[in-house]
N, C-alpha and C. Protein backbone atom coordinates (compact mmCIF):
# COMPACT_ATOMS: atom_id res chain seq x y z
N GLY A 1 -3.67 -11.41 5.25
CA GLY A 1 -4.12 -11.26 6.20
C GLY A 1 -4.22 -12.79 6.92
N ALA A 2 -4.92 -13.67 5.83
CA ALA A 2 -5.21 -15.00 6.71
C ALA A 2 -3.73 -15.53 7.35
N GLN A 3 -2.96 -15.55 7.01
CA GLN A 3 -1.37 -16.07 7.55
C GLN A 3 -1.09 -15.23 8.36
N PHE A 4 -1.36 -13.91 8.83
CA PHE A 4 -1.14 -13.32 9.92
C PHE A 4 -1.81 -13.84 11.14
N GLY A 5 -2.84 -14.34 10.86
CA GLY A 5 -3.47 -14.72 11.87
C GLY A 5 -5.42 -13.88 12.41
N LEU A 6 -4.82 -12.87 10.96
CA LEU A 6 -6.33 -11.86 10.95
C LEU A 6 -7.30 -13.04 11.95
N ASN A 7 -8.86 -12.03 12.65
CA ASN A 7 -10.54 -12.92 12.95
C ASN A 7 -10.73 -12.25 11.86
N ASP A 8 -11.78 -12.73 11.65
CA ASP A 8 -13.00 -12.46 10.38
C ASP A 8 -12.83 -11.11 10.70
N LYS A 9 -13.11 -10.67 11.84
CA LYS A 9 -13.21 -8.68 11.27
C LYS A 9 -11.97 -7.98 11.27
N GLU A 10 -10.93 -7.90 11.89
CA GLU A 10 -9.41 -7.92 11.54
C GLU A 10 -9.64 -8.15 10.21
N TYR A 11 -10.03 -9.07 9.44
CA TYR A 11 -9.10 -9.94 7.75
C TYR A 11 -10.85 -8.84 6.76
N ASN A 12 -11.74 -8.76 7.46
CA ASN A 12 -13.31 -7.89 7.01
C ASN A 12 -12.04 -6.00 7.03
N ASP A 13 -11.92 -5.87 7.78
CA ASP A 13 -11.35 -4.38 7.09
C ASP A 13 -10.31 -3.79 6.97
N LEU A 14 -9.52 -5.04 6.99
CA LEU A 14 -8.02 -5.37 5.87
C LEU A 14 -8.88 -5.56 4.51
N LYS A 15 -9.78 -6.13 4.27
CA LYS A 15 -10.44 -6.43 2.62
C LYS A 15 -10.64 -4.37 2.21
N TRP A 16 -11.64 -4.22 3.37
CA TRP A 16 -11.67 -2.90 2.53
C TRP A 16 -11.17 -1.87 2.39
N ALA A 17 -9.96 -1.63 3.78
CA ALA A 17 -8.64 -0.65 3.90
C ALA A 17 -8.47 -0.96 2.10
N SER A 18 -7.81 -1.78 1.85
CA SER A 18 -7.38 -2.72 1.13
C SER A 18 -7.77 -1.43 -0.38
N ILE A 19 -9.70 -2.36 -0.76
CA ILE A 19 -9.99 -1.91 -1.40
C ILE A 19 -10.17 -0.13 -1.46
N LEU A 20 -9.85 0.47 -0.63
CA LEU A 20 -10.25 2.12 -0.68
C LEU A 20 -9.30 2.83 -0.33
N HIS A 21 -7.73 1.72 -0.19
CA HIS A 21 -6.63 2.87 0.60
C HIS A 21 -6.06 4.15 -0.67
N ASP A 22 -6.42 4.36 -1.11
CA ASP A 22 -6.42 5.50 -1.98
C ASP A 22 -7.66 6.60 -2.49
N ILE A 23 -8.67 5.99 -2.20
CA ILE A 23 -10.19 7.34 -2.02
C ILE A 23 -9.82 8.26 -2.39
N GLY A 24 -8.77 9.04 -1.42
CA GLY A 24 -8.39 9.93 -1.48
C GLY A 24 -7.49 11.02 -2.59
N LYS A 25 -7.14 10.18 -3.13
CA LYS A 25 -6.47 10.65 -5.45
C LYS A 25 -7.58 11.11 -5.43
N ILE A 26 -9.25 10.42 -5.00
CA ILE A 26 -10.20 11.73 -5.73
C ILE A 26 -10.01 13.50 -5.43
N GLY A 27 -9.08 13.56 -4.06
CA GLY A 27 -9.70 15.04 -4.15
C GLY A 27 -7.69 15.63 -4.57
N ILE A 28 -7.32 14.12 -5.44
CA ILE A 28 -5.91 15.04 -6.16
C ILE A 28 -6.17 15.81 -7.99
N PRO A 29 -6.00 16.79 -8.09
CA PRO A 29 -5.37 17.16 -9.55
C PRO A 29 -5.13 16.32 -10.14
N GLU A 30 -6.07 16.37 -11.40
CA GLU A 30 -5.67 14.78 -12.18
C GLU A 30 -4.31 15.07 -13.15
N ILE A 31 -4.40 16.67 -13.53
CA ILE A 31 -2.49 16.56 -13.94
C ILE A 31 -1.80 16.30 -12.94
N ILE A 32 -1.81 16.11 -11.85
CA ILE A 32 -0.71 15.45 -10.68
C ILE A 32 -0.47 14.07 -10.79
N LEU A 33 -1.72 13.61 -10.90
CA LEU A 33 -1.86 12.08 -11.12
C LEU A 33 -1.50 11.39 -12.16
N ASN A 34 -1.65 12.01 -13.15
CA ASN A 34 -0.91 11.38 -14.37
C ASN A 34 -0.03 11.95 -15.40
N LYS A 35 0.48 12.68 -14.70
CA LYS A 35 1.98 13.62 -15.00
C LYS A 35 3.25 12.86 -15.46
N PRO A 36 3.44 12.85 -16.45
CA PRO A 36 4.83 12.23 -17.06
C PRO A 36 5.81 12.02 -16.64
N GLY A 37 6.18 13.00 -16.13
CA GLY A 37 7.22 13.27 -15.85
C GLY A 37 7.85 13.20 -13.99
N ARG A 38 8.49 13.79 -13.51
CA ARG A 38 9.62 13.17 -11.80
C ARG A 38 8.09 14.90 -11.60
N LEU A 39 7.08 14.51 -10.07
CA LEU A 39 6.57 15.49 -9.08
C LEU A 39 7.62 16.37 -8.88
N THR A 40 7.35 17.94 -8.04
CA THR A 40 7.85 18.97 -8.46
C THR A 40 8.15 18.79 -6.79
N ASP A 41 8.90 18.92 -6.41
CA ASP A 41 8.49 18.82 -4.20
C ASP A 41 6.31 19.40 -4.36
N ALA A 42 6.09 20.61 -3.68
CA ALA A 42 4.85 21.52 -3.91
C ALA A 42 3.93 19.76 -4.74
N GLU A 43 4.42 19.28 -5.95
CA GLU A 43 3.10 17.91 -6.31
C GLU A 43 3.24 17.37 -5.68
N TYR A 44 4.70 16.59 -5.03
CA TYR A 44 4.94 15.01 -4.13
C TYR A 44 3.64 15.66 -2.66
N ALA A 45 3.93 16.89 -2.27
CA ALA A 45 3.29 17.04 -0.77
C ALA A 45 1.77 17.49 -0.88
N ILE A 46 1.45 17.68 -1.97
CA ILE A 46 -0.14 17.11 -3.20
C ILE A 46 -0.58 15.92 -2.18
N ILE A 47 0.58 15.11 -3.20
CA ILE A 47 0.04 13.22 -3.36
C ILE A 47 -0.26 12.93 -1.97
N LYS A 48 0.89 13.68 -0.73
CA LYS A 48 0.90 12.49 0.43
C LYS A 48 0.06 12.92 0.95
N GLU A 49 -0.99 14.20 0.51
CA GLU A 49 -2.54 14.20 1.79
C GLU A 49 -3.27 13.44 1.10
N HIS A 50 -2.83 12.74 -0.37
CA HIS A 50 -4.38 11.75 -0.58
C HIS A 50 -4.40 10.29 0.43
N PRO A 51 -3.78 10.00 2.03
CA PRO A 51 -3.52 9.19 3.11
C PRO A 51 -5.02 9.65 3.49
N ALA A 52 -5.13 10.84 4.31
CA ALA A 52 -5.28 12.14 5.93
C ALA A 52 -7.06 12.02 3.99
N LYS A 53 -7.24 12.87 3.22
CA LYS A 53 -8.48 12.43 2.43
C LYS A 53 -8.66 11.56 1.89
N GLY A 54 -8.58 10.08 1.76
CA GLY A 54 -8.71 9.37 2.01
C GLY A 54 -9.59 9.40 3.23
N ALA A 55 -9.07 9.30 4.91
CA ALA A 55 -9.70 9.10 5.88
C ALA A 55 -10.74 10.03 6.34
N GLU A 56 -10.98 11.13 5.62
CA GLU A 56 -11.18 12.10 6.09
C GLU A 56 -13.01 11.55 5.24
N ILE A 57 -12.39 11.39 3.98
CA ILE A 57 -13.29 11.07 2.51
C ILE A 57 -14.23 10.01 3.83
N LEU A 58 -14.04 8.43 4.19
CA LEU A 58 -14.62 7.59 4.91
C LEU A 58 -14.45 7.57 6.22
N LYS A 59 -14.61 9.36 7.29
CA LYS A 59 -14.61 8.95 8.18
C LYS A 59 -16.43 9.25 8.99
N PRO A 60 -17.15 9.09 7.84
CA PRO A 60 -18.48 9.56 8.21
C PRO A 60 -19.56 7.73 8.53
N VAL A 61 -18.34 7.04 7.79
CA VAL A 61 -18.83 5.47 7.40
C VAL A 61 -18.45 4.97 8.05
N GLU A 62 -19.34 4.52 9.66
CA GLU A 62 -18.95 3.70 11.22
C GLU A 62 -18.05 2.93 10.67
N GLN A 63 -18.73 1.85 10.08
CA GLN A 63 -18.46 0.48 9.34
C GLN A 63 -17.24 -0.10 8.71
N LEU A 64 -16.05 1.12 8.67
CA LEU A 64 -15.38 1.40 7.97
C LEU A 64 -14.57 2.71 9.07
N ALA A 65 -15.10 2.39 10.18
CA ALA A 65 -13.31 3.04 11.27
C ALA A 65 -12.72 2.68 11.74
N ASP A 66 -12.64 0.53 11.74
CA ASP A 66 -11.72 0.06 12.02
C ASP A 66 -11.06 0.25 10.88
N SER A 67 -10.77 0.31 9.32
CA SER A 67 -9.85 0.15 8.76
C SER A 67 -9.25 1.45 8.00
N LEU A 68 -9.54 2.94 8.77
CA LEU A 68 -9.19 4.39 9.01
C LEU A 68 -7.55 3.93 9.10
N PRO A 69 -6.82 3.48 10.17
CA PRO A 69 -5.89 3.04 10.58
C PRO A 69 -4.96 3.08 8.75
N SER A 70 -5.16 1.48 8.71
CA SER A 70 -4.44 0.96 7.52
C SER A 70 -4.31 2.25 6.50
N ILE A 71 -5.48 3.40 6.08
CA ILE A 71 -5.48 3.77 5.10
C ILE A 71 -4.22 4.76 5.63
N ILE A 72 -5.19 5.63 6.43
CA ILE A 72 -4.10 6.81 6.62
C ILE A 72 -2.55 6.01 6.07
N TYR A 73 -1.46 4.82 7.29
CA TYR A 73 -0.70 4.86 7.44
C TYR A 73 0.01 4.13 6.00
N HIS A 74 -1.02 3.79 5.01
CA HIS A 74 -0.54 2.65 4.57
C HIS A 74 1.22 3.69 3.01
N HIS A 75 1.60 4.67 3.48
CA HIS A 75 2.46 5.00 3.15
C HIS A 75 3.98 4.68 4.03
N GLU A 76 3.75 4.33 5.29
CA GLU A 76 4.59 5.07 6.41
C GLU A 76 5.79 3.72 5.66
N ARG A 77 7.06 4.04 6.02
CA ARG A 77 8.39 3.34 5.78
C ARG A 77 8.59 2.54 6.66
N TYR A 78 8.95 1.14 6.69
CA TYR A 78 9.30 0.21 7.98
C TYR A 78 10.46 1.33 8.78
N ASP A 79 11.55 2.22 8.16
CA ASP A 79 12.26 2.19 8.30
C ASP A 79 12.34 3.92 9.10
N GLY A 80 10.58 4.07 9.07
CA GLY A 80 10.49 5.43 10.04
C GLY A 80 10.50 6.75 8.50
N GLN A 81 11.01 6.39 7.48
CA GLN A 81 10.89 7.98 6.49
C GLN A 81 9.86 7.77 5.53
N GLY A 82 8.53 7.03 6.17
CA GLY A 82 7.71 7.29 5.00
C GLY A 82 6.90 8.53 5.42
N TYR A 83 5.28 8.71 5.48
CA TYR A 83 4.39 9.39 5.23
C TYR A 83 2.97 9.03 5.54
N PRO A 84 2.48 9.62 7.12
CA PRO A 84 2.39 10.81 6.91
C PRO A 84 3.03 11.09 8.28
N ARG A 85 2.91 10.47 9.51
CA ARG A 85 3.97 10.56 9.97
C ARG A 85 4.95 10.10 11.39
N GLY A 86 5.45 9.34 9.66
CA GLY A 86 7.41 8.53 9.83
C GLY A 86 7.17 7.05 10.86
N LEU A 87 5.76 6.90 11.06
CA LEU A 87 6.00 5.69 12.00
C LEU A 87 7.29 4.41 11.66
N LYS A 88 7.16 3.69 12.47
CA LYS A 88 8.59 3.05 12.41
C LYS A 88 8.11 1.57 13.06
N GLY A 89 8.60 0.76 11.43
CA GLY A 89 8.18 -1.29 11.52
C GLY A 89 6.61 -1.33 12.33
N GLU A 90 7.22 -2.19 13.34
CA GLU A 90 5.86 -2.03 14.44
C GLU A 90 4.57 -1.66 14.84
N GLU A 91 5.47 0.18 14.65
CA GLU A 91 4.34 1.58 14.88
C GLU A 91 3.25 2.07 13.56
N ILE A 92 3.08 0.94 12.69
CA ILE A 92 2.79 0.66 11.82
C ILE A 92 1.90 0.04 11.90
N PRO A 93 0.47 0.22 12.05
CA PRO A 93 -0.56 -0.84 12.63
C PRO A 93 -0.31 -2.11 10.81
N LEU A 94 -0.83 -3.32 11.29
CA LEU A 94 -0.55 -4.38 10.41
C LEU A 94 -0.88 -4.35 9.88
N GLY A 95 -2.44 -3.49 8.77
CA GLY A 95 -3.22 -4.07 7.46
C GLY A 95 -2.43 -2.57 7.35
N ALA A 96 -1.17 -2.09 7.14
CA ALA A 96 -0.54 -1.04 6.84
C ALA A 96 0.44 -1.74 6.01
N ARG A 97 0.73 -2.25 6.74
CA ARG A 97 2.23 -2.92 6.08
C ARG A 97 2.09 -3.55 4.78
N ILE A 98 0.38 -4.84 5.13
CA ILE A 98 0.54 -5.71 4.91
C ILE A 98 -0.36 -4.64 2.91
N ILE A 99 -0.49 -3.35 3.38
CA ILE A 99 -1.43 -3.43 2.39
C ILE A 99 -0.48 -2.54 1.57
N SER A 100 0.52 -2.07 1.82
CA SER A 100 2.16 -1.86 1.36
C SER A 100 2.73 -1.95 0.08
N VAL A 101 3.11 -3.94 0.78
CA VAL A 101 4.04 -4.66 -0.22
C VAL A 101 2.86 -4.95 -1.19
N ALA A 102 1.71 -4.96 -1.21
CA ALA A 102 0.52 -5.09 -1.73
C ALA A 102 0.46 -4.41 -3.70
N ASP A 103 0.50 -2.50 -2.48
CA ASP A 103 0.51 -1.43 -3.21
C ASP A 103 2.20 -1.50 -4.49
N THR A 104 2.81 -1.97 -3.72
CA THR A 104 4.23 -1.38 -3.82
C THR A 104 4.05 -2.18 -5.15
N PHE A 105 3.87 -3.79 -5.08
CA PHE A 105 3.74 -4.78 -5.82
C PHE A 105 3.15 -4.23 -7.11
N ASP A 106 1.59 -4.01 -7.29
CA ASP A 106 0.79 -3.32 -7.82
C ASP A 106 1.35 -2.66 -8.34
N ALA A 107 1.76 -1.33 -8.79
CA ALA A 107 2.85 -0.32 -8.14
C ALA A 107 3.55 -0.82 -10.04
N ILE A 108 5.04 -1.51 -9.13
CA ILE A 108 5.47 -1.39 -9.80
C ILE A 108 5.15 -2.15 -11.14
N ASN A 109 3.96 -3.36 -10.96
CA ASN A 109 3.87 -4.18 -12.37
C ASN A 109 2.29 -3.53 -13.28
N SER A 110 2.46 -2.81 -12.30
CA SER A 110 1.35 -1.70 -13.22
C SER A 110 1.44 -0.61 -14.10
N SER A 111 1.45 -0.39 -15.32
CA SER A 111 1.68 0.82 -16.38
C SER A 111 0.66 2.07 -15.69
N ARG A 112 2.48 3.03 -15.56
CA ARG A 112 1.62 4.75 -15.21
C ARG A 112 2.21 4.99 -16.07
N ALA A 113 2.17 6.69 -16.35
CA ALA A 113 1.69 8.05 -16.84
C ALA A 113 3.90 7.77 -17.52
N TYR A 114 4.78 7.64 -16.01
CA TYR A 114 5.88 8.11 -16.59
C TYR A 114 6.76 6.95 -16.80
N ARG A 115 6.33 5.61 -17.06
CA ARG A 115 6.88 4.19 -17.22
C ARG A 115 5.76 3.15 -17.51
N SER A 116 6.54 2.12 -18.52
CA SER A 116 5.58 1.09 -18.97
C SER A 116 5.67 -0.17 -17.77
N PRO A 117 4.65 -0.65 -17.72
CA PRO A 117 5.05 -1.66 -16.20
C PRO A 117 6.46 -2.86 -16.60
N GLN A 118 6.46 -3.18 -15.61
CA GLN A 118 7.60 -3.94 -14.94
C GLN A 118 6.56 -5.90 -14.68
N SER A 119 8.07 -6.20 -14.83
CA SER A 119 7.41 -8.32 -15.57
C SER A 119 7.20 -8.55 -13.10
N ALA A 120 6.06 -9.03 -12.95
CA ALA A 120 5.65 -9.91 -11.74
C ALA A 120 6.99 -9.87 -11.07
N GLN A 121 8.12 -10.83 -12.42
CA GLN A 121 8.87 -10.89 -11.42
C GLN A 121 10.57 -10.34 -10.69
N LYS A 122 10.28 -9.01 -11.59
CA LYS A 122 11.22 -7.61 -11.61
C LYS A 122 10.31 -7.01 -10.03
N ALA A 123 9.26 -7.08 -9.96
CA ALA A 123 8.13 -6.32 -9.31
C ALA A 123 8.69 -7.14 -7.40
N MET A 124 8.96 -8.70 -7.26
CA MET A 124 9.17 -9.14 -6.84
C MET A 124 11.14 -8.72 -6.32
N THR A 125 11.32 -8.73 -7.16
CA THR A 125 12.77 -8.52 -6.83
C THR A 125 13.27 -7.55 -6.36
N ILE A 126 12.15 -6.16 -6.77
CA ILE A 126 12.55 -4.77 -6.15
C ILE A 126 11.94 -5.23 -4.61
N ILE A 127 10.63 -5.67 -4.76
CA ILE A 127 10.32 -5.66 -2.87
C ILE A 127 11.54 -5.72 -2.12
N GLU A 128 11.79 -7.04 -2.48
CA GLU A 128 12.73 -8.34 -1.70
C GLU A 128 14.13 -7.24 -1.30
N GLU A 129 14.08 -6.18 -2.32
CA GLU A 129 15.87 -5.90 -2.10
C GLU A 129 15.51 -4.88 -1.25
N VAL A 130 14.09 -3.92 -0.78
CA VAL A 130 13.09 -2.61 -0.02
C VAL A 130 12.57 -3.36 1.22
N ALA A 131 13.09 -4.86 0.96
CA ALA A 131 12.21 -6.07 2.57
C ALA A 131 13.12 -5.25 3.75
N GLY A 132 12.83 -4.57 4.76
CA GLY A 132 13.78 -3.78 5.43
C GLY A 132 13.69 -2.30 5.89
N SER A 133 14.06 -1.90 4.83
CA SER A 133 13.66 -0.89 4.43
C SER A 133 12.31 0.60 4.75
N GLN A 134 11.75 0.12 3.37
CA GLN A 134 10.28 0.35 2.52
C GLN A 134 8.83 -0.54 3.35
N LEU A 135 10.03 -1.51 3.46
CA LEU A 135 8.85 -2.13 3.22
C LEU A 135 8.93 -3.62 4.46
N ASP A 136 8.19 -3.72 5.14
CA ASP A 136 8.37 -4.71 6.01
C ASP A 136 8.60 -6.33 5.73
N PRO A 137 10.19 -6.53 6.82
CA PRO A 137 10.34 -7.94 5.64
C PRO A 137 9.46 -8.93 6.07
N ARG A 138 9.23 -9.07 7.67
CA ARG A 138 8.56 -10.88 7.95
C ARG A 138 6.70 -10.65 6.78
N VAL A 139 6.38 -9.56 6.19
CA VAL A 139 5.33 -9.21 5.54
C VAL A 139 4.94 -9.70 4.08
N VAL A 140 6.08 -9.39 3.27
CA VAL A 140 6.93 -9.55 2.34
C VAL A 140 7.96 -10.68 2.49
N LYS A 141 8.26 -11.71 3.74
CA LYS A 141 8.34 -13.00 3.22
C LYS A 141 7.27 -14.48 2.57
N VAL A 142 6.20 -13.85 3.91
CA VAL A 142 4.67 -13.70 3.59
C VAL A 142 3.89 -13.88 2.39
N PHE A 143 4.31 -12.84 1.94
CA PHE A 143 3.64 -12.40 0.22
C PHE A 143 4.16 -12.51 -0.63
N LYS A 144 5.52 -13.08 -0.68
CA LYS A 144 6.12 -14.03 -1.68
C LYS A 144 5.94 -15.28 -1.56
N GLN A 145 4.82 -15.59 -0.17
CA GLN A 145 5.44 -17.26 -0.44
C GLN A 145 3.32 -17.28 -0.38
N VAL A 146 2.53 -17.09 -0.30
CA VAL A 146 1.02 -17.02 -0.89
C VAL A 146 1.07 -16.36 -2.50
N TYR A 147 1.92 -15.37 -2.73
CA TYR A 147 2.34 -15.72 -4.65
C TYR A 147 2.84 -16.32 -5.12
N GLN A 148 3.91 -17.49 -4.62
CA GLN A 148 4.12 -18.58 -5.17
C GLN A 148 3.97 -19.42 -5.13
N GLU A 149 2.33 -19.69 -3.92
CA GLU A 149 1.37 -20.65 -4.07
C GLU A 149 0.27 -20.70 -4.37
N ASP A 150 -0.23 -19.30 -5.34
CA ASP A 150 -1.34 -18.79 -6.05
C ASP A 150 -0.42 -19.27 -7.42
N LEU A 151 0.85 -18.63 -8.09
CA LEU A 151 1.41 -19.46 -8.98
C LEU A 151 0.63 -20.48 -9.15
N LEU A 152 1.26 -22.01 -8.26
CA LEU A 152 1.31 -22.96 -8.49
C LEU A 152 -0.90 -23.70 -8.38
N ILE A 153 -1.35 -23.18 -7.68
CA ILE A 153 -2.55 -23.21 -8.13
C ILE A 153 -2.91 -22.73 -9.74
N GLU A 154 -2.34 -21.10 -10.15
CA GLU A 154 -3.03 -21.75 -11.50
C GLU A 154 -2.65 -22.39 -12.25
N GLU A 155 -1.14 -22.54 -12.01
CA GLU A 155 -1.20 -23.33 -13.24
C GLU A 155 -1.66 -25.10 -13.94
N LYS A 156 -2.25 -24.75 -12.22
CA LYS A 156 -2.78 -27.06 -12.48
C LYS A 156 -4.30 -26.56 -13.00
């Protein structure tokens, strides 16, 4: 967020959206969330409800109002093929585009019921491959830069 010049309030809204973006999965049956195989169309339709469920859960918390768009739209795709509304490119809130890149990296790099985690390098390769279709290429570029800077700091 800092690399995109977000002010303190915008950065704080992004921070909370990042932390809470999947809270709507609380309303998704565990059998679907932990399914070891491919989801059916009906199961996938249920999964796709989690951003709206999350926003509904958080709506009463006035301090999080400006975080809600990033939560609702974090599964939109840069090419317009995402959900819930099929937003495209800059129509997708910047916070949602940032969360989408970080969430994709985390999903690839984490253990799932249906597959083992991939290496950070493999995750970065996949993210670069989907830049411009699934993910905002500008956010991917900044993510890669920040990630590499963090690696250099850790090595010192």
